[in-house]
N, C-alpha and C. Protein backbone atom coordinates (compact mmCIF):
# COMPACT_ATOMS: atom_id res chain seq x y z
N THR A 1 4.70 -61.99 2.93
CA THR A 1 5.05 -62.55 1.63
C THR A 1 5.94 -61.61 0.80
N GLU A 2 5.88 -60.31 1.07
CA GLU A 2 6.72 -59.39 0.29
C GLU A 2 8.20 -59.67 0.54
N GLY A 3 8.56 -59.96 1.78
CA GLY A 3 9.95 -60.25 2.10
C GLY A 3 10.44 -61.52 1.42
N VAL A 4 9.58 -62.54 1.36
CA VAL A 4 9.96 -63.79 0.70
C VAL A 4 10.09 -63.56 -0.81
N ALA A 5 9.15 -62.83 -1.39
CA ALA A 5 9.22 -62.54 -2.83
C ALA A 5 10.47 -61.72 -3.15
N LYS A 6 10.77 -60.75 -2.31
CA LYS A 6 11.96 -59.92 -2.51
C LYS A 6 13.23 -60.78 -2.45
N ALA A 7 13.30 -61.67 -1.48
CA ALA A 7 14.47 -62.55 -1.35
C ALA A 7 14.59 -63.47 -2.57
N ALA A 8 13.47 -63.97 -3.06
CA ALA A 8 13.50 -64.84 -4.23
C ALA A 8 13.97 -64.09 -5.47
N VAL A 9 13.47 -62.89 -5.68
CA VAL A 9 13.89 -62.07 -6.83
C VAL A 9 15.38 -61.74 -6.73
N GLU A 10 15.83 -61.37 -5.54
CA GLU A 10 17.26 -61.08 -5.34
C GLU A 10 18.12 -62.30 -5.65
N THR A 11 17.66 -63.47 -5.20
CA THR A 11 18.41 -64.70 -5.43
C THR A 11 18.49 -65.04 -6.91
N VAL A 12 17.36 -64.94 -7.61
CA VAL A 12 17.37 -65.20 -9.05
C VAL A 12 18.29 -64.20 -9.75
N ALA A 13 18.20 -62.94 -9.39
CA ALA A 13 19.03 -61.92 -10.03
C ALA A 13 20.52 -62.19 -9.81
N GLU A 14 20.92 -62.46 -8.58
CA GLU A 14 22.34 -62.70 -8.30
C GLU A 14 22.81 -64.00 -8.95
N ASN A 15 21.98 -65.04 -8.89
CA ASN A 15 22.38 -66.32 -9.45
C ASN A 15 22.32 -66.36 -10.97
N THR A 16 21.74 -65.35 -11.59
CA THR A 16 21.83 -65.25 -13.05
C THR A 16 23.30 -65.17 -13.44
N SER A 17 24.07 -64.44 -12.66
CA SER A 17 25.50 -64.36 -12.94
C SER A 17 26.24 -65.60 -12.45
N ASP A 18 26.15 -65.88 -11.15
CA ASP A 18 26.94 -66.97 -10.55
C ASP A 18 26.57 -68.36 -11.05
N GLY A 19 25.28 -68.61 -11.23
CA GLY A 19 24.83 -69.96 -11.51
C GLY A 19 24.52 -70.25 -12.96
N VAL A 20 24.42 -69.21 -13.80
CA VAL A 20 24.02 -69.43 -15.19
C VAL A 20 25.04 -68.83 -16.16
N VAL A 21 25.20 -67.51 -16.14
CA VAL A 21 26.05 -66.85 -17.13
C VAL A 21 27.52 -67.21 -16.96
N ALA A 22 28.05 -67.12 -15.75
CA ALA A 22 29.47 -67.42 -15.54
C ALA A 22 29.83 -68.85 -15.93
N PRO A 23 29.05 -69.87 -15.53
CA PRO A 23 29.41 -71.22 -15.99
C PRO A 23 29.39 -71.35 -17.51
N LEU A 24 28.41 -70.72 -18.17
CA LEU A 24 28.37 -70.78 -19.63
C LEU A 24 29.61 -70.12 -20.24
N LEU A 25 30.01 -68.99 -19.67
CA LEU A 25 31.21 -68.31 -20.19
C LEU A 25 32.46 -69.16 -20.01
N PHE A 26 32.62 -69.76 -18.84
CA PHE A 26 33.80 -70.59 -18.60
C PHE A 26 33.78 -71.85 -19.46
N LEU A 27 32.60 -72.40 -19.71
CA LEU A 27 32.50 -73.55 -20.62
C LEU A 27 32.89 -73.14 -22.03
N ALA A 28 32.44 -71.96 -22.46
CA ALA A 28 32.78 -71.48 -23.81
C ALA A 28 34.28 -71.23 -23.94
N LEU A 29 34.89 -70.73 -22.89
CA LEU A 29 36.33 -70.41 -22.95
C LEU A 29 37.22 -71.64 -22.83
N GLY A 30 36.86 -72.58 -21.96
CA GLY A 30 37.78 -73.68 -21.70
C GLY A 30 37.15 -75.05 -21.65
N GLY A 31 35.93 -75.18 -22.13
CA GLY A 31 35.30 -76.49 -22.14
C GLY A 31 34.92 -76.96 -20.75
N PRO A 32 34.65 -78.25 -20.63
CA PRO A 32 34.19 -78.81 -19.35
C PRO A 32 35.18 -78.64 -18.20
N VAL A 33 36.48 -78.68 -18.51
CA VAL A 33 37.48 -78.57 -17.43
C VAL A 33 37.40 -77.20 -16.78
N LEU A 34 37.39 -76.14 -17.57
CA LEU A 34 37.31 -74.80 -16.99
C LEU A 34 35.95 -74.56 -16.35
N GLY A 35 34.90 -75.10 -16.96
CA GLY A 35 33.56 -74.99 -16.35
C GLY A 35 33.51 -75.65 -14.99
N PHE A 36 34.11 -76.84 -14.88
CA PHE A 36 34.16 -77.56 -13.61
C PHE A 36 34.98 -76.77 -12.59
N CYS A 37 36.13 -76.23 -12.99
CA CYS A 37 36.96 -75.45 -12.06
C CYS A 37 36.20 -74.23 -11.54
N TYR A 38 35.47 -73.56 -12.44
CA TYR A 38 34.68 -72.40 -12.00
C TYR A 38 33.66 -72.83 -10.95
N LYS A 39 32.91 -73.90 -11.24
CA LYS A 39 31.88 -74.33 -10.30
C LYS A 39 32.47 -74.78 -8.97
N ALA A 40 33.67 -75.33 -8.99
CA ALA A 40 34.33 -75.71 -7.74
C ALA A 40 34.62 -74.47 -6.89
N VAL A 41 35.13 -73.42 -7.52
CA VAL A 41 35.42 -72.17 -6.80
C VAL A 41 34.12 -71.57 -6.27
N ASN A 42 33.10 -71.52 -7.11
CA ASN A 42 31.82 -70.93 -6.72
C ASN A 42 31.17 -71.71 -5.59
N THR A 43 31.24 -73.03 -5.65
CA THR A 43 30.66 -73.86 -4.58
C THR A 43 31.45 -73.71 -3.29
N MET A 44 32.76 -73.61 -3.39
CA MET A 44 33.59 -73.42 -2.19
C MET A 44 33.19 -72.11 -1.49
N ASP A 45 32.95 -71.06 -2.27
CA ASP A 45 32.51 -69.79 -1.67
C ASP A 45 31.15 -69.96 -1.01
N SER A 46 30.23 -70.65 -1.67
CA SER A 46 28.89 -70.85 -1.11
C SER A 46 28.93 -71.63 0.20
N MET A 47 29.83 -72.59 0.29
CA MET A 47 29.87 -73.45 1.47
C MET A 47 30.75 -72.90 2.59
N LEU A 48 31.80 -72.16 2.25
CA LEU A 48 32.78 -71.75 3.26
C LEU A 48 32.96 -70.25 3.40
N GLY A 49 32.38 -69.47 2.51
CA GLY A 49 32.63 -68.03 2.49
C GLY A 49 31.87 -67.25 3.54
N TYR A 50 31.95 -67.69 4.79
CA TYR A 50 31.25 -67.02 5.89
C TYR A 50 32.26 -66.44 6.87
N LYS A 51 31.87 -65.37 7.50
CA LYS A 51 32.74 -64.74 8.48
C LYS A 51 32.45 -65.31 9.87
N ASN A 52 32.93 -66.51 10.11
CA ASN A 52 32.80 -67.08 11.45
C ASN A 52 34.16 -67.67 11.85
N ASP A 53 34.29 -68.03 13.10
CA ASP A 53 35.58 -68.51 13.61
C ASP A 53 36.09 -69.74 12.87
N ARG A 54 35.20 -70.65 12.55
CA ARG A 54 35.63 -71.91 11.94
C ARG A 54 36.22 -71.72 10.54
N TYR A 55 35.60 -70.84 9.73
CA TYR A 55 36.00 -70.70 8.34
C TYR A 55 36.59 -69.34 7.99
N LEU A 56 36.98 -68.58 9.00
CA LEU A 56 37.40 -67.20 8.74
C LEU A 56 38.46 -67.10 7.65
N HIS A 57 39.57 -67.77 7.81
CA HIS A 57 40.67 -67.61 6.85
C HIS A 57 40.43 -68.37 5.55
N PHE A 58 40.02 -69.62 5.65
CA PHE A 58 39.75 -70.39 4.45
C PHE A 58 38.55 -69.82 3.71
N GLY A 59 37.52 -69.44 4.46
CA GLY A 59 36.33 -68.85 3.86
C GLY A 59 36.62 -67.53 3.18
N ARG A 60 37.48 -66.72 3.77
CA ARG A 60 37.85 -65.45 3.16
C ARG A 60 38.56 -65.70 1.83
N PHE A 61 39.46 -66.68 1.80
CA PHE A 61 40.15 -67.02 0.56
C PHE A 61 39.15 -67.46 -0.51
N ALA A 62 38.20 -68.31 -0.14
CA ALA A 62 37.19 -68.78 -1.09
C ALA A 62 36.36 -67.61 -1.62
N ALA A 63 35.97 -66.70 -0.74
CA ALA A 63 35.16 -65.55 -1.14
C ALA A 63 35.93 -64.62 -2.07
N LYS A 64 37.17 -64.36 -1.76
CA LYS A 64 37.99 -63.46 -2.61
C LYS A 64 38.28 -64.10 -3.97
N LEU A 65 38.53 -65.39 -3.98
CA LEU A 65 38.77 -66.10 -5.25
C LEU A 65 37.50 -66.07 -6.10
N ASP A 66 36.36 -66.29 -5.47
CA ASP A 66 35.08 -66.23 -6.18
C ASP A 66 34.83 -64.83 -6.73
N ASP A 67 35.13 -63.80 -5.93
CA ASP A 67 35.00 -62.42 -6.41
C ASP A 67 35.85 -62.19 -7.65
N ALA A 68 37.07 -62.71 -7.64
CA ALA A 68 37.99 -62.51 -8.76
C ALA A 68 37.50 -63.20 -10.03
N VAL A 69 37.10 -64.47 -9.92
CA VAL A 69 36.69 -65.20 -11.12
C VAL A 69 35.33 -64.73 -11.65
N ASN A 70 34.53 -64.09 -10.82
CA ASN A 70 33.22 -63.59 -11.25
C ASN A 70 33.23 -62.13 -11.68
N PHE A 71 34.37 -61.46 -11.58
CA PHE A 71 34.40 -60.03 -11.86
C PHE A 71 33.90 -59.72 -13.28
N VAL A 72 34.47 -60.33 -14.27
CA VAL A 72 34.06 -60.08 -15.66
C VAL A 72 32.70 -60.72 -15.95
N PRO A 73 32.46 -61.99 -15.58
CA PRO A 73 31.15 -62.57 -15.87
C PRO A 73 29.97 -61.80 -15.27
N ALA A 74 30.13 -61.23 -14.09
CA ALA A 74 29.02 -60.49 -13.47
C ALA A 74 28.66 -59.27 -14.31
N ARG A 75 29.65 -58.60 -14.85
CA ARG A 75 29.39 -57.42 -15.67
C ARG A 75 28.80 -57.81 -17.02
N LEU A 76 29.30 -58.89 -17.61
CA LEU A 76 28.72 -59.37 -18.86
C LEU A 76 27.28 -59.84 -18.64
N ALA A 77 27.03 -60.48 -17.51
CA ALA A 77 25.67 -60.92 -17.18
C ALA A 77 24.73 -59.72 -17.05
N ALA A 78 25.22 -58.65 -16.46
CA ALA A 78 24.39 -57.45 -16.31
C ALA A 78 24.00 -56.89 -17.68
N TRP A 79 24.95 -56.82 -18.59
CA TRP A 79 24.65 -56.30 -19.93
C TRP A 79 23.75 -57.26 -20.72
N ALA A 80 23.92 -58.56 -20.53
CA ALA A 80 23.02 -59.53 -21.16
C ALA A 80 21.61 -59.37 -20.60
N MET A 81 21.52 -59.09 -19.30
CA MET A 81 20.20 -58.90 -18.68
C MET A 81 19.55 -57.60 -19.15
N ILE A 82 20.35 -56.56 -19.35
CA ILE A 82 19.79 -55.31 -19.88
C ILE A 82 19.23 -55.55 -21.28
N ALA A 83 19.99 -56.24 -22.13
CA ALA A 83 19.49 -56.55 -23.48
C ALA A 83 18.22 -57.39 -23.40
N SER A 84 18.19 -58.35 -22.48
CA SER A 84 16.99 -59.18 -22.29
C SER A 84 15.80 -58.35 -21.85
N ALA A 85 16.05 -57.39 -20.98
CA ALA A 85 14.96 -56.53 -20.51
C ALA A 85 14.31 -55.80 -21.68
N TYR A 86 15.12 -55.26 -22.57
CA TYR A 86 14.58 -54.59 -23.76
C TYR A 86 13.78 -55.56 -24.62
N LEU A 87 14.37 -56.72 -24.92
CA LEU A 87 13.74 -57.67 -25.84
C LEU A 87 12.51 -58.36 -25.26
N LEU A 88 12.46 -58.52 -23.95
CA LEU A 88 11.35 -59.23 -23.33
C LEU A 88 10.23 -58.31 -22.86
N GLY A 89 10.34 -57.02 -23.14
CA GLY A 89 9.27 -56.09 -22.81
C GLY A 89 9.30 -55.52 -21.41
N PHE A 90 10.42 -55.69 -20.72
CA PHE A 90 10.57 -55.06 -19.41
C PHE A 90 11.08 -53.64 -19.62
N ASP A 91 11.28 -52.91 -18.56
CA ASP A 91 11.74 -51.52 -18.65
C ASP A 91 13.27 -51.50 -18.82
N GLY A 92 13.71 -51.68 -20.04
CA GLY A 92 15.14 -51.72 -20.35
C GLY A 92 15.86 -50.42 -20.04
N LYS A 93 15.19 -49.31 -20.32
CA LYS A 93 15.80 -48.00 -20.05
C LYS A 93 16.05 -47.82 -18.56
N ASN A 94 15.08 -48.18 -17.74
CA ASN A 94 15.24 -48.09 -16.29
C ASN A 94 16.26 -49.10 -15.78
N ALA A 95 16.30 -50.27 -16.41
CA ALA A 95 17.28 -51.29 -16.03
C ALA A 95 18.70 -50.74 -16.20
N ARG A 96 18.94 -50.09 -17.33
CA ARG A 96 20.26 -49.51 -17.59
C ARG A 96 20.56 -48.36 -16.62
N LYS A 97 19.56 -47.54 -16.35
CA LYS A 97 19.74 -46.41 -15.43
C LYS A 97 20.09 -46.89 -14.02
N ILE A 98 19.31 -47.84 -13.51
CA ILE A 98 19.55 -48.35 -12.15
C ILE A 98 20.87 -49.10 -12.09
N TYR A 99 21.21 -49.82 -13.16
CA TYR A 99 22.50 -50.51 -13.20
C TYR A 99 23.64 -49.51 -13.03
N ARG A 100 23.61 -48.46 -13.79
CA ARG A 100 24.69 -47.46 -13.70
C ARG A 100 24.74 -46.79 -12.33
N ARG A 101 23.60 -46.60 -11.72
CA ARG A 101 23.54 -45.91 -10.43
C ARG A 101 23.85 -46.83 -9.25
N ASP A 102 23.32 -48.05 -9.24
CA ASP A 102 23.32 -48.88 -8.03
C ASP A 102 24.19 -50.14 -8.11
N ARG A 103 24.94 -50.32 -9.18
CA ARG A 103 25.70 -51.57 -9.36
C ARG A 103 26.79 -51.79 -8.32
N ARG A 104 27.08 -50.77 -7.52
CA ARG A 104 28.08 -50.91 -6.46
C ARG A 104 27.46 -50.91 -5.05
N ASN A 105 26.14 -51.00 -4.96
CA ASN A 105 25.45 -50.94 -3.67
C ASN A 105 25.38 -52.30 -2.98
N HIS A 106 26.51 -52.94 -2.86
CA HIS A 106 26.56 -54.23 -2.19
C HIS A 106 27.98 -54.44 -1.68
N ALA A 107 28.12 -55.19 -0.60
CA ALA A 107 29.45 -55.47 -0.06
C ALA A 107 30.29 -56.28 -1.05
N SER A 108 29.64 -57.15 -1.82
CA SER A 108 30.33 -57.93 -2.84
C SER A 108 30.52 -57.06 -4.09
N PRO A 109 31.67 -57.15 -4.74
CA PRO A 109 31.87 -56.34 -5.94
C PRO A 109 31.02 -56.82 -7.12
N ASN A 110 30.41 -58.00 -7.01
CA ASN A 110 29.68 -58.57 -8.14
C ASN A 110 28.18 -58.70 -7.95
N SER A 111 27.71 -58.83 -6.73
CA SER A 111 26.30 -59.15 -6.49
C SER A 111 25.33 -58.12 -7.02
N ALA A 112 25.63 -56.86 -6.86
CA ALA A 112 24.68 -55.82 -7.27
C ALA A 112 24.67 -55.58 -8.77
N GLN A 113 25.58 -56.20 -9.50
CA GLN A 113 25.60 -56.00 -10.95
C GLN A 113 24.27 -56.44 -11.57
N THR A 114 23.89 -57.68 -11.36
CA THR A 114 22.63 -58.16 -11.94
C THR A 114 21.42 -57.80 -11.08
N GLU A 115 21.62 -57.66 -9.77
CA GLU A 115 20.50 -57.25 -8.91
C GLU A 115 20.01 -55.86 -9.31
N SER A 116 20.92 -54.97 -9.64
CA SER A 116 20.52 -53.61 -10.01
C SER A 116 19.76 -53.61 -11.33
N VAL A 117 20.20 -54.43 -12.29
CA VAL A 117 19.49 -54.52 -13.57
C VAL A 117 18.09 -55.07 -13.35
N CYS A 118 17.99 -56.13 -12.57
CA CYS A 118 16.69 -56.76 -12.31
C CYS A 118 15.76 -55.77 -11.60
N ALA A 119 16.27 -55.07 -10.61
CA ALA A 119 15.45 -54.08 -9.90
C ALA A 119 14.94 -53.00 -10.86
N GLY A 120 15.81 -52.54 -11.73
CA GLY A 120 15.40 -51.52 -12.70
C GLY A 120 14.40 -52.04 -13.70
N ALA A 121 14.64 -53.24 -14.23
CA ALA A 121 13.74 -53.82 -15.22
C ALA A 121 12.36 -54.07 -14.65
N LEU A 122 12.31 -54.50 -13.39
CA LEU A 122 11.02 -54.80 -12.74
C LEU A 122 10.43 -53.59 -12.02
N ARG A 123 11.22 -52.50 -11.96
CA ARG A 123 10.79 -51.25 -11.33
C ARG A 123 10.50 -51.43 -9.84
N VAL A 124 11.38 -52.19 -9.15
CA VAL A 124 11.22 -52.45 -7.73
C VAL A 124 12.49 -52.08 -6.98
N GLN A 125 12.37 -52.08 -5.65
CA GLN A 125 13.54 -51.83 -4.82
C GLN A 125 13.94 -53.14 -4.13
N LEU A 126 15.21 -53.49 -4.27
CA LEU A 126 15.75 -54.70 -3.67
C LEU A 126 16.79 -54.33 -2.63
N ALA A 127 17.32 -55.35 -1.98
CA ALA A 127 18.37 -55.21 -0.96
C ALA A 127 17.85 -54.40 0.23
N GLY A 128 18.69 -53.58 0.83
CA GLY A 128 18.30 -52.84 2.03
C GLY A 128 18.63 -53.62 3.29
N ASP A 129 18.16 -53.12 4.41
CA ASP A 129 18.45 -53.72 5.70
C ASP A 129 17.96 -55.16 5.76
N ALA A 130 18.73 -56.01 6.44
CA ALA A 130 18.36 -57.43 6.57
C ALA A 130 18.84 -57.97 7.91
N TYR A 131 18.18 -59.00 8.36
CA TYR A 131 18.58 -59.68 9.60
C TYR A 131 19.41 -60.92 9.28
N TYR A 132 20.54 -61.05 9.95
CA TYR A 132 21.38 -62.23 9.83
C TYR A 132 21.65 -62.75 11.24
N PHE A 133 21.24 -63.99 11.48
CA PHE A 133 21.43 -64.62 12.79
C PHE A 133 20.87 -63.74 13.91
N GLY A 134 19.71 -63.10 13.65
CA GLY A 134 19.03 -62.30 14.64
C GLY A 134 19.55 -60.88 14.81
N LYS A 135 20.52 -60.48 14.01
CA LYS A 135 21.08 -59.12 14.11
C LYS A 135 20.76 -58.33 12.85
N LEU A 136 20.31 -57.09 13.06
CA LEU A 136 19.99 -56.22 11.94
C LEU A 136 21.28 -55.70 11.31
N CYS A 137 21.39 -55.86 10.00
CA CYS A 137 22.52 -55.32 9.24
C CYS A 137 22.01 -54.22 8.32
N LYS A 138 22.57 -53.04 8.46
CA LYS A 138 22.18 -51.91 7.61
C LYS A 138 22.88 -52.07 6.26
N LYS A 139 22.09 -52.04 5.20
CA LYS A 139 22.63 -52.19 3.85
C LYS A 139 21.94 -51.20 2.92
N PRO A 140 22.64 -50.73 1.90
CA PRO A 140 22.01 -49.83 0.94
C PRO A 140 20.95 -50.55 0.10
N THR A 141 20.03 -49.79 -0.43
CA THR A 141 19.01 -50.36 -1.30
C THR A 141 19.50 -50.34 -2.74
N ILE A 142 18.82 -51.12 -3.56
CA ILE A 142 19.11 -51.19 -4.99
C ILE A 142 17.79 -50.99 -5.71
N GLY A 143 17.72 -49.98 -6.57
CA GLY A 143 16.51 -49.71 -7.33
C GLY A 143 15.61 -48.72 -6.64
N ASP A 144 14.52 -48.40 -7.32
CA ASP A 144 13.51 -47.47 -6.81
C ASP A 144 12.21 -48.23 -6.60
N SER A 145 11.49 -47.87 -5.58
CA SER A 145 10.24 -48.55 -5.24
C SER A 145 9.10 -47.98 -6.08
N LEU A 146 9.12 -48.27 -7.39
CA LEU A 146 8.06 -47.81 -8.28
C LEU A 146 6.89 -48.79 -8.30
N SER A 147 7.17 -50.04 -7.96
CA SER A 147 6.16 -51.10 -7.86
C SER A 147 6.45 -51.89 -6.59
N ALA A 148 5.43 -52.50 -6.04
CA ALA A 148 5.62 -53.35 -4.87
C ALA A 148 6.19 -54.70 -5.33
N VAL A 149 7.10 -55.23 -4.54
CA VAL A 149 7.64 -56.56 -4.83
C VAL A 149 6.56 -57.57 -4.46
N SER A 150 6.22 -58.43 -5.41
CA SER A 150 5.18 -59.43 -5.18
C SER A 150 5.62 -60.76 -5.76
N CYS A 151 4.85 -61.77 -5.48
CA CYS A 151 5.18 -63.12 -5.97
C CYS A 151 5.17 -63.18 -7.50
N GLU A 152 4.41 -62.29 -8.16
CA GLU A 152 4.38 -62.25 -9.62
C GLU A 152 5.73 -61.81 -10.20
N MET A 153 6.55 -61.19 -9.38
CA MET A 153 7.86 -60.74 -9.84
C MET A 153 8.85 -61.90 -9.99
N ILE A 154 8.59 -63.00 -9.31
CA ILE A 154 9.53 -64.14 -9.36
C ILE A 154 9.59 -64.74 -10.77
N PRO A 155 8.45 -65.05 -11.42
CA PRO A 155 8.53 -65.53 -12.80
C PRO A 155 9.13 -64.49 -13.75
N ALA A 156 8.89 -63.21 -13.49
CA ALA A 156 9.47 -62.17 -14.32
C ALA A 156 11.00 -62.17 -14.20
N ALA A 157 11.50 -62.31 -12.98
CA ALA A 157 12.95 -62.39 -12.77
C ALA A 157 13.51 -63.64 -13.46
N ASN A 158 12.75 -64.73 -13.41
CA ASN A 158 13.18 -65.96 -14.10
C ASN A 158 13.27 -65.74 -15.61
N ARG A 159 12.32 -65.01 -16.19
CA ARG A 159 12.37 -64.73 -17.63
C ARG A 159 13.61 -63.91 -17.96
N LEU A 160 13.93 -62.94 -17.12
CA LEU A 160 15.15 -62.17 -17.34
C LEU A 160 16.39 -63.07 -17.27
N MET A 161 16.39 -64.00 -16.34
CA MET A 161 17.50 -64.94 -16.22
C MET A 161 17.61 -65.80 -17.48
N PHE A 162 16.50 -66.34 -17.96
CA PHE A 162 16.52 -67.18 -19.15
C PHE A 162 16.97 -66.39 -20.38
N GLY A 163 16.48 -65.16 -20.49
CA GLY A 163 16.92 -64.30 -21.60
C GLY A 163 18.41 -64.05 -21.55
N SER A 164 18.93 -63.79 -20.36
CA SER A 164 20.37 -63.57 -20.19
C SER A 164 21.16 -64.82 -20.54
N ALA A 165 20.63 -65.98 -20.17
CA ALA A 165 21.28 -67.25 -20.49
C ALA A 165 21.32 -67.47 -22.00
N LEU A 166 20.24 -67.14 -22.69
CA LEU A 166 20.22 -67.31 -24.15
C LEU A 166 21.22 -66.39 -24.84
N PHE A 167 21.30 -65.15 -24.37
CA PHE A 167 22.30 -64.22 -24.91
C PHE A 167 23.71 -64.78 -24.70
N THR A 168 23.97 -65.28 -23.52
CA THR A 168 25.29 -65.81 -23.20
C THR A 168 25.59 -67.06 -24.01
N LEU A 169 24.60 -67.93 -24.12
CA LEU A 169 24.78 -69.15 -24.91
C LEU A 169 25.08 -68.81 -26.37
N ALA A 170 24.33 -67.88 -26.93
CA ALA A 170 24.58 -67.47 -28.32
C ALA A 170 25.99 -66.88 -28.46
N GLY A 171 26.38 -66.04 -27.52
CA GLY A 171 27.73 -65.47 -27.55
C GLY A 171 28.80 -66.54 -27.42
N GLY A 172 28.58 -67.52 -26.56
CA GLY A 172 29.53 -68.61 -26.38
C GLY A 172 29.66 -69.47 -27.63
N VAL A 173 28.54 -69.75 -28.28
CA VAL A 173 28.58 -70.53 -29.52
C VAL A 173 29.33 -69.76 -30.60
N LEU A 174 29.04 -68.48 -30.73
CA LEU A 174 29.76 -67.65 -31.72
C LEU A 174 31.25 -67.60 -31.42
N PHE A 175 31.60 -67.49 -30.15
CA PHE A 175 33.02 -67.48 -29.76
C PHE A 175 33.69 -68.79 -30.17
N ARG A 176 33.06 -69.92 -29.84
CA ARG A 176 33.65 -71.23 -30.17
C ARG A 176 33.75 -71.42 -31.68
N LEU A 177 32.75 -70.98 -32.44
CA LEU A 177 32.81 -71.09 -33.90
C LEU A 177 33.93 -70.23 -34.47
N ALA A 178 34.07 -69.03 -33.94
CA ALA A 178 35.15 -68.15 -34.39
C ALA A 178 36.52 -68.75 -34.05
N ALA A 179 36.64 -69.31 -32.86
CA ALA A 179 37.91 -69.93 -32.46
C ALA A 179 38.23 -71.12 -33.36
N MET A 180 37.23 -71.94 -33.68
CA MET A 180 37.46 -73.08 -34.57
C MET A 180 37.84 -72.61 -35.98
N ALA A 181 37.20 -71.54 -36.44
CA ALA A 181 37.53 -71.01 -37.77
C ALA A 181 38.97 -70.50 -37.81
N ILE A 182 39.39 -69.86 -36.75
CA ILE A 182 40.77 -69.36 -36.70
C ILE A 182 41.76 -70.52 -36.70
N VAL A 183 41.45 -71.56 -35.95
CA VAL A 183 42.32 -72.74 -35.92
C VAL A 183 42.41 -73.39 -37.31
N VAL A 184 41.28 -73.52 -37.99
CA VAL A 184 41.26 -74.12 -39.32
C VAL A 184 42.04 -73.26 -40.32
N LEU A 185 41.89 -71.95 -40.24
CA LEU A 185 42.58 -71.05 -41.18
C LEU A 185 44.08 -70.99 -40.96
N PHE A 186 44.50 -71.18 -39.75
CA PHE A 186 45.93 -71.07 -39.46
C PHE A 186 46.45 -72.42 -39.07
């Protein structure tokens, strides 16, 4: 069960950026059209971004495009998650420390941004070696093993995600209000 709980926490942490914060940011910047375009790119990466013969070239393009459009949102999501960790009673100081240390411990330029914050806030170790299609892949770890990863960590990771979403939503509303005020004034 530890492996399943670890995978679930990692998924919630990574999808805080890809599935929650980034869409909210793109909606705030460009409304439904830009939000839809972002989700199309993100879905294309999810469906085709694999290194196999069938999708090698098209999948690589989808993955690189997704990396590019998520570069800024992933970092903003990490900082929103750090703020959430402080406000929700998690270990915000450790979240910031692990973020600064481990935010690059992933093949993707964006995945470890929120995973490192989540690992620090929950005081657990994520990532590391994994099996894909029956083959062991050596990967760096994210965070320190100060606590065991357990099923109780999944709702905690969800709370961090919701807190990050609220920070992003508030920021998006403020951005849209400021933009409307500027339009009215000029």
